[in-house]
Amino acid sequence: MSADMEARYRAALAQILADGAARLARGEAAMDVAVEAVRQLEECELFNAGKGAVYTADQRHELDASVMDGRDRSAGAVAGVTRVRNPVLAARAVMAHSGHVLLIGTAADSFAFEQGLERVAPDWFGTPQRLAQLEQARASASGQVLDHDGQQAVAQAGAAAGAGGAAGTVRTSEGPIDEQTKFGTVGAVVRDAAGHLAAATSTGGMTNKRPGRVGDSPIPGAGCYADDRSVAVSCTGTGEAFIRAAAAHEVGALMRIGGLPLAEACARVVFEELPTVGGDGGLIAVDTLGNVWLGFNTEGMYRGWVEAGGVPVVGVYRDE
């Protein structure tokens, strides 16, 4: 991947992180900052979420998203939506207004429109690059392709912690990581000035996936989790494995019940638990004290963190 493309990814993440830092400095709540960061990622076609989402095997888009509020562990999620412009806003609406946690398919789209969210044509999400990725997967008979595996990669962008800080992550599309070893989801985790935690996650899923397939991103406790008693987590990777490992919740359990510090709990999940079920990928997390962990068991992960009012730090490779 060209230096120009790498620079685009880094600039996009830095811009979203800077916006999150400014919002935190103004005293905005963790949930508001996390959702807005992911909404911006959904609007950037570099990332596999919202505009720029990957294609299913029947050349459509099915998008998933979830949010979780650490204050009371309320959560909302949508799966398989095809018309709501910003799935993360639909997930938040489910949490706030539906009385449920997860809505799917056309019913989820309809609910989102009832809440006044923007409707788009199903083909609005597509890009030429994503279509080429699908055609490549079909031609090579490679089956489902994670965003890490195609013309797109993982981007994680966040806002990092400290008093009044936040931590966050985002995952993207094309980039400098090996095009054959990438995943795709976007997410953010945040700790606000009041010490509250929140997480948000959104994805287009896997290129050439079977229609109706749902991964970990809209599953609270698998791809997204927040609990003020311990940690906020957002994950990216092989979704089926993250579901089987209850990866995001496992980090919280290791901390709250097992007494492990953030870094040790995250490392155990990413480097020990997930590999036992074939799980490749990574996660971002921020704990109640504002400590941040952004790690992965793959070649790299687009990621970043920032403190309220601070300067964003963005990384791609292991040595950053």
Protein backbone atom coordinates (compact mmCIF):
# COMPACT_ATOMS: atom_id res chain seq x y z
CA MET A 1 0.00 0.00 0.00
CA SER A 2 1.24 3.43 -0.91
CA ALA A 3 2.52 5.95 1.58
CA ASP A 4 -0.34 8.23 0.51
CA MET A 5 -2.94 5.61 1.45
CA GLU A 6 -1.31 4.98 4.82
CA ALA A 7 -1.30 8.71 5.45
CA ARG A 8 -5.04 8.84 4.68
CA TYR A 9 -5.77 6.22 7.31
CA ARG A 10 -3.63 7.89 9.92
CA ALA A 11 -5.15 11.30 9.18
CA ALA A 12 -8.70 9.97 9.38
CA LEU A 13 -8.09 8.33 12.73
CA ALA A 14 -6.28 11.37 14.11
CA GLN A 15 -9.11 13.67 13.06
CA ILE A 16 -11.77 11.53 14.72
CA LEU A 17 -9.67 11.18 17.87
CA ALA A 18 -9.12 14.93 18.03
CA ASP A 19 -12.85 15.51 17.80
CA GLY A 20 -13.40 13.03 20.64
CA ALA A 21 -10.79 14.77 22.77
CA ALA A 22 -12.51 18.11 22.26
CA ARG A 23 -15.87 16.63 23.19
CA LEU A 24 -14.46 15.12 26.36
CA ALA A 25 -12.82 18.42 27.28
CA ARG A 26 -16.26 20.04 26.98
CA GLY A 27 -17.60 17.50 29.45
CA GLU A 28 -19.63 15.33 27.08
CA ALA A 29 -20.69 11.90 28.33
CA ALA A 30 -18.80 8.74 27.40
CA MET A 31 -21.73 7.28 25.46
CA ASP A 32 -22.15 10.43 23.37
CA VAL A 33 -18.45 10.52 22.50
CA ALA A 34 -18.23 6.81 21.66
CA VAL A 35 -21.28 6.85 19.41
CA GLU A 36 -20.16 9.99 17.58
CA ALA A 37 -16.69 8.54 16.97
CA VAL A 38 -18.19 5.41 15.42
CA ARG A 39 -20.71 7.44 13.42
CA GLN A 40 -17.84 9.37 11.88
CA LEU A 41 -16.09 6.11 11.05
CA GLU A 42 -19.26 4.87 9.38
CA GLU A 43 -19.20 7.98 7.20
CA CYS A 44 -15.60 7.38 6.06
CA GLU A 45 -15.44 4.85 3.22
CA LEU A 46 -11.94 3.75 4.20
CA PHE A 47 -13.57 1.69 6.96
CA ASN A 48 -15.70 -1.45 6.84
CA ALA A 49 -18.77 0.07 8.48
CA GLY A 50 -21.52 2.20 7.01
CA LYS A 51 -20.29 3.74 3.74
CA GLY A 52 -17.57 1.42 2.48
CA ALA A 53 -18.98 -1.74 4.06
CA VAL A 54 -18.08 -5.07 2.46
CA TYR A 55 -20.40 -7.14 0.26
CA THR A 56 -22.21 -10.36 1.10
CA ALA A 57 -22.09 -13.38 -1.21
CA ASP A 58 -25.22 -12.15 -3.00
CA GLN A 59 -23.65 -8.71 -3.54
CA ARG A 60 -25.58 -6.80 -0.89
CA HIS A 61 -24.67 -5.11 2.38
CA GLU A 62 -25.80 -6.33 5.80
CA LEU A 63 -24.55 -4.16 8.65
CA ASP A 64 -24.30 -4.77 12.40
CA ALA A 65 -23.68 -2.45 15.35
CA SER A 66 -23.96 -2.29 19.12
CA VAL A 67 -23.52 0.12 22.02
CA MET A 68 -23.20 -0.43 25.77
CA ASP A 69 -23.35 2.03 28.67
CA GLY A 70 -21.15 1.17 31.63
CA ARG A 71 -23.29 3.09 34.10
CA ASP A 72 -26.06 0.48 34.18
CA ARG A 73 -24.96 -2.01 31.49
CA SER A 74 -27.81 -0.98 29.24
CA ALA A 75 -27.17 -2.03 25.66
CA GLY A 76 -28.62 -1.81 22.18
CA ALA A 77 -27.79 -3.52 18.91
CA VAL A 78 -28.92 -4.08 15.35
CA ALA A 79 -27.96 -6.86 12.94
CA GLY A 80 -28.45 -7.30 9.23
CA VAL A 81 -29.67 -3.77 8.55
CA THR A 82 -29.58 -2.62 4.93
CA ARG A 83 -31.10 0.87 4.75
CA VAL A 84 -30.34 2.90 7.86
CA ARG A 85 -27.41 5.20 7.12
CA ASN A 86 -25.74 4.89 10.52
CA PRO A 87 -26.21 1.51 12.21
CA VAL A 88 -24.56 2.76 15.40
CA LEU A 89 -27.30 5.38 15.78
CA ALA A 90 -29.88 2.64 15.28
CA ALA A 91 -28.20 0.57 17.99
CA ARG A 92 -28.36 3.50 20.38
CA ALA A 93 -32.02 4.03 19.54
CA VAL A 94 -32.71 0.38 20.33
CA MET A 95 -31.06 0.86 23.72
CA ALA A 96 -32.93 4.06 24.49
CA HIS A 97 -36.38 3.52 23.04
CA SER A 98 -37.22 -0.09 22.19
CA GLY A 99 -37.29 -1.90 25.51
CA HIS A 100 -35.11 -4.56 23.87
CA VAL A 101 -31.40 -5.14 23.32
CA LEU A 102 -31.18 -6.50 19.76
CA LEU A 103 -33.32 -5.97 16.66
CA ILE A 104 -32.57 -7.56 13.29
CA GLY A 105 -33.15 -7.13 9.59
CA THR A 106 -36.05 -5.18 8.12
CA ALA A 107 -37.65 -4.78 11.55
CA ALA A 108 -34.51 -3.07 12.81
CA ASP A 109 -34.46 -0.76 9.79
CA SER A 110 -38.14 0.06 10.29
CA PHE A 111 -37.60 0.83 13.95
CA ALA A 112 -34.70 3.13 13.09
CA PHE A 113 -36.86 5.07 10.66
CA GLU A 114 -39.59 5.37 13.29
CA GLN A 115 -36.98 7.08 15.46
CA GLY A 116 -36.25 9.60 12.72
CA LEU A 117 -32.93 8.15 11.53
CA GLU A 118 -31.84 8.69 7.94
CA ARG A 119 -32.80 6.16 5.25
CA VAL A 120 -30.51 5.44 2.29
CA ALA A 121 -30.74 3.16 -0.72
CA PRO A 122 -29.14 -0.24 -0.12
CA ASP A 123 -26.44 0.44 -2.71
CA TRP A 124 -25.37 3.66 -0.94
CA PHE A 125 -22.95 1.67 1.22
CA GLY A 126 -20.98 0.23 -1.70
CA THR A 127 -17.69 1.38 -3.18
CA PRO A 128 -15.75 0.15 -6.23
CA GLN A 129 -12.97 -1.09 -3.96
CA ARG A 130 -15.35 -3.25 -1.93
CA LEU A 131 -16.93 -4.69 -5.07
CA ALA A 132 -13.48 -5.57 -6.39
CA GLN A 133 -12.77 -7.31 -3.09
CA LEU A 134 -15.90 -9.43 -3.52
CA GLU A 135 -14.99 -10.31 -7.09
CA GLN A 136 -11.50 -11.27 -5.95
CA ALA A 137 -12.92 -13.55 -3.28
CA ARG A 138 -15.25 -15.18 -5.78
CA ALA A 139 -12.52 -15.64 -8.37
CA SER A 140 -10.17 -17.26 -5.90
CA ALA A 141 -12.94 -19.42 -4.41
CA SER A 142 -11.62 -18.25 -1.06
CA GLY A 143 -15.00 -18.20 0.63
CA GLN A 144 -15.64 -15.62 3.33
CA VAL A 145 -12.99 -12.94 3.61
CA LEU A 146 -12.40 -10.92 6.73
CA ASP A 147 -11.60 -7.30 6.14
CA HIS A 148 -8.10 -8.20 7.25
CA ASP A 149 -8.07 -10.64 4.35
CA GLY A 150 -9.14 -8.45 1.46
CA GLN A 151 -8.45 -5.04 0.04
CA GLN A 152 -9.29 -3.63 3.43
CA ALA A 153 -7.83 -3.72 6.90
CA VAL A 154 -8.49 -3.14 10.51
CA ALA A 155 -8.55 0.34 11.82
CA GLN A 156 -8.90 1.14 15.42
CA ALA A 157 -9.23 4.64 16.62
CA GLY A 158 -10.05 5.82 20.02
CA ALA A 159 -9.94 8.32 22.71
CA ALA A 160 -7.77 7.41 25.63
CA ALA A 161 -8.11 7.71 29.27
CA GLY A 162 -7.09 9.59 32.32
CA ALA A 163 -9.33 11.86 34.36
CA GLY A 164 -11.82 13.14 31.88
CA GLY A 165 -10.18 11.07 29.17
CA ALA A 166 -11.37 8.30 26.92
CA ALA A 167 -10.07 5.36 25.05
CA GLY A 168 -11.23 4.29 21.66
CA THR A 169 -10.71 2.20 18.60
CA VAL A 170 -11.63 2.01 15.01
CA ARG A 171 -11.03 -0.56 12.30
CA THR A 172 -10.86 0.09 8.54
CA SER A 173 -10.55 -0.96 4.97
CA GLU A 174 -7.56 -0.64 2.63
CA GLY A 175 -4.23 0.09 4.20
CA PRO A 176 -0.57 -0.62 4.72
CA ILE A 177 -1.09 -3.90 6.58
CA ASP A 178 -0.75 -7.02 4.38
CA GLU A 179 -3.94 -7.05 2.32
CA GLN A 180 -4.32 -10.78 2.92
CA THR A 181 -4.25 -10.59 6.71
CA LYS A 182 -6.81 -7.99 7.75
CA PHE A 183 -10.06 -7.76 9.68
CA GLY A 184 -12.71 -5.07 9.56
CA THR A 185 -14.82 -3.51 12.27
CA VAL A 186 -14.85 -0.04 13.78
CA GLY A 187 -15.27 0.76 17.43
CA ALA A 188 -14.63 3.20 20.23
CA VAL A 189 -14.28 2.88 23.99
CA VAL A 190 -14.45 5.93 26.22
CA ARG A 191 -14.01 7.00 29.84
CA ASP A 192 -15.45 10.43 30.58
CA ALA A 193 -14.70 13.07 33.22
CA ALA A 194 -17.22 11.52 35.59
CA GLY A 195 -15.47 8.16 35.35
CA HIS A 196 -18.24 6.50 33.34
CA LEU A 197 -17.42 4.01 30.59
CA ALA A 198 -19.03 3.32 27.21
CA ALA A 199 -18.34 1.23 24.11
CA ALA A 200 -19.64 1.25 20.55
CA THR A 201 -18.91 -1.14 17.66
CA SER A 202 -20.00 -1.28 14.01
CA THR A 203 -19.16 -3.45 10.99
CA GLY A 204 -20.08 -4.55 7.51
CA GLY A 205 -18.94 -8.05 8.42
CA MET A 206 -16.97 -10.37 6.14
CA THR A 207 -16.58 -10.10 2.38
CA ASN A 208 -18.54 -12.86 0.60
CA LYS A 209 -20.26 -13.88 3.83
CA ARG A 210 -23.39 -15.98 3.69
CA PRO A 211 -26.49 -13.75 3.75
CA GLY A 212 -27.85 -13.60 7.27
CA ARG A 213 -24.49 -14.27 8.92
CA VAL A 214 -24.01 -12.30 12.16
CA GLY A 215 -20.68 -11.99 13.92
CA ASP A 216 -19.64 -10.67 17.31
CA SER A 217 -20.04 -6.93 16.69
CA PRO A 218 -23.76 -6.68 17.63
CA ILE A 219 -23.46 -9.16 20.50
CA PRO A 220 -22.97 -7.46 23.91
CA GLY A 221 -20.29 -9.38 25.77
CA ALA A 222 -18.72 -10.73 22.59
CA GLY A 223 -17.68 -7.77 20.43
CA CYS A 224 -18.74 -4.91 22.70
CA TYR A 225 -18.97 -4.49 26.47
CA ALA A 226 -18.96 -1.74 29.10
CA ASP A 227 -19.27 -1.90 32.88
CA ASP A 228 -18.31 0.97 35.19
CA ARG A 229 -17.06 -1.62 37.68
CA SER A 230 -14.30 -2.75 35.37
CA VAL A 231 -13.80 -1.92 31.69
CA ALA A 232 -15.14 -0.89 28.29
CA VAL A 233 -14.11 -3.11 25.36
CA SER A 234 -14.56 -3.16 21.57
CA CYS A 235 -13.29 -6.08 19.48
CA THR A 236 -12.31 -6.87 15.90
CA GLY A 237 -11.47 -10.22 14.33
CA THR A 238 -12.94 -13.61 13.54
CA GLY A 239 -16.41 -12.97 14.90
CA GLU A 240 -17.44 -16.57 15.49
CA ALA A 241 -14.42 -17.09 17.76
CA PHE A 242 -15.08 -13.87 19.69
CA ILE A 243 -18.65 -15.05 20.29
CA ARG A 244 -17.50 -18.47 21.50
CA ALA A 245 -14.98 -16.88 23.84
CA ALA A 246 -17.39 -14.14 25.01
CA ALA A 247 -14.23 -12.11 24.51
CA ALA A 248 -15.29 -8.62 25.58
CA HIS A 249 -17.05 -9.85 28.72
CA GLU A 250 -14.14 -12.18 29.51
CA VAL A 251 -11.85 -9.18 29.88
CA GLY A 252 -14.26 -7.64 32.38
CA ALA A 253 -14.68 -10.89 34.30
CA LEU A 254 -10.94 -11.42 34.58
CA MET A 255 -10.65 -7.93 36.03
CA ARG A 256 -13.70 -7.74 38.28
CA ILE A 257 -13.79 -11.32 39.54
CA GLY A 258 -10.26 -12.49 38.86
CA GLY A 259 -8.59 -9.33 40.12
CA LEU A 260 -6.32 -8.96 37.09
CA PRO A 261 -5.13 -5.52 35.93
CA LEU A 262 -6.31 -4.32 32.53
CA ALA A 263 -3.22 -5.23 30.53
CA GLU A 264 -2.99 -8.74 31.95
CA ALA A 265 -6.69 -9.44 31.42
CA CYS A 266 -6.63 -8.21 27.82
CA ALA A 267 -3.45 -10.10 27.01
CA ARG A 268 -4.88 -13.33 28.38
CA VAL A 269 -7.96 -13.04 26.18
CA VAL A 270 -6.15 -12.00 22.99
CA PHE A 271 -3.07 -14.23 23.26
CA GLU A 272 -4.37 -17.24 25.21
CA GLU A 273 -8.16 -17.60 25.11
CA LEU A 274 -8.94 -16.57 21.54
CA PRO A 275 -6.29 -18.74 19.85
CA THR A 276 -7.79 -21.84 21.47
CA VAL A 277 -10.96 -21.28 19.40
CA GLY A 278 -9.22 -20.06 16.25
CA GLY A 279 -9.61 -16.39 17.07
CA ASP A 280 -7.46 -13.87 15.21
CA GLY A 281 -7.85 -10.16 15.84
CA GLY A 282 -7.60 -7.66 18.62
CA LEU A 283 -9.42 -5.34 20.96
CA ILE A 284 -9.25 -1.93 22.57
CA ALA A 285 -10.14 -1.30 26.19
CA VAL A 286 -10.17 1.40 28.86
CA ASP A 287 -10.64 0.71 32.56
CA THR A 288 -12.17 2.67 35.42
CA LEU A 289 -8.83 4.31 36.21
CA GLY A 290 -8.29 5.46 32.63
CA ASN A 291 -5.68 2.88 31.70
CA VAL A 292 -5.80 1.93 28.03
CA TRP A 293 -4.91 -1.27 26.16
CA LEU A 294 -4.91 -1.63 22.38
CA GLY A 295 -3.59 -5.03 21.33
CA PHE A 296 -3.85 -7.73 18.67
CA ASN A 297 -2.49 -11.14 17.69
CA THR A 298 -2.24 -10.26 13.99
CA GLU A 299 0.24 -8.34 11.84
CA GLY A 300 -1.14 -4.97 12.82
CA MET A 301 -4.22 -2.98 13.76
CA TYR A 302 -5.14 0.60 12.94
CA ARG A 303 -5.72 2.14 16.34
CA GLY A 304 -5.33 5.27 18.39
CA TRP A 305 -5.96 6.96 21.71
CA VAL A 306 -6.17 10.44 23.12
CA GLU A 307 -6.85 12.20 26.40
CA ALA A 308 -9.38 14.96 26.82
CA GLY A 309 -7.87 18.06 25.25
CA GLY A 310 -4.78 16.08 24.26
CA VAL A 311 -2.97 15.17 21.03
CA PRO A 312 -4.03 11.92 19.29
CA VAL A 313 -1.63 8.99 19.12
CA VAL A 314 -2.19 6.70 16.12
CA GLY A 315 -0.54 3.36 15.41
CA VAL A 316 -0.63 0.61 12.81
CA TYR A 317 2.19 -1.83 13.48
CA ARG A 318 3.37 -3.74 16.53
CA ASP A 319 6.32 -1.48 17.23
CA GLU A 320 4.20 1.66 17.48
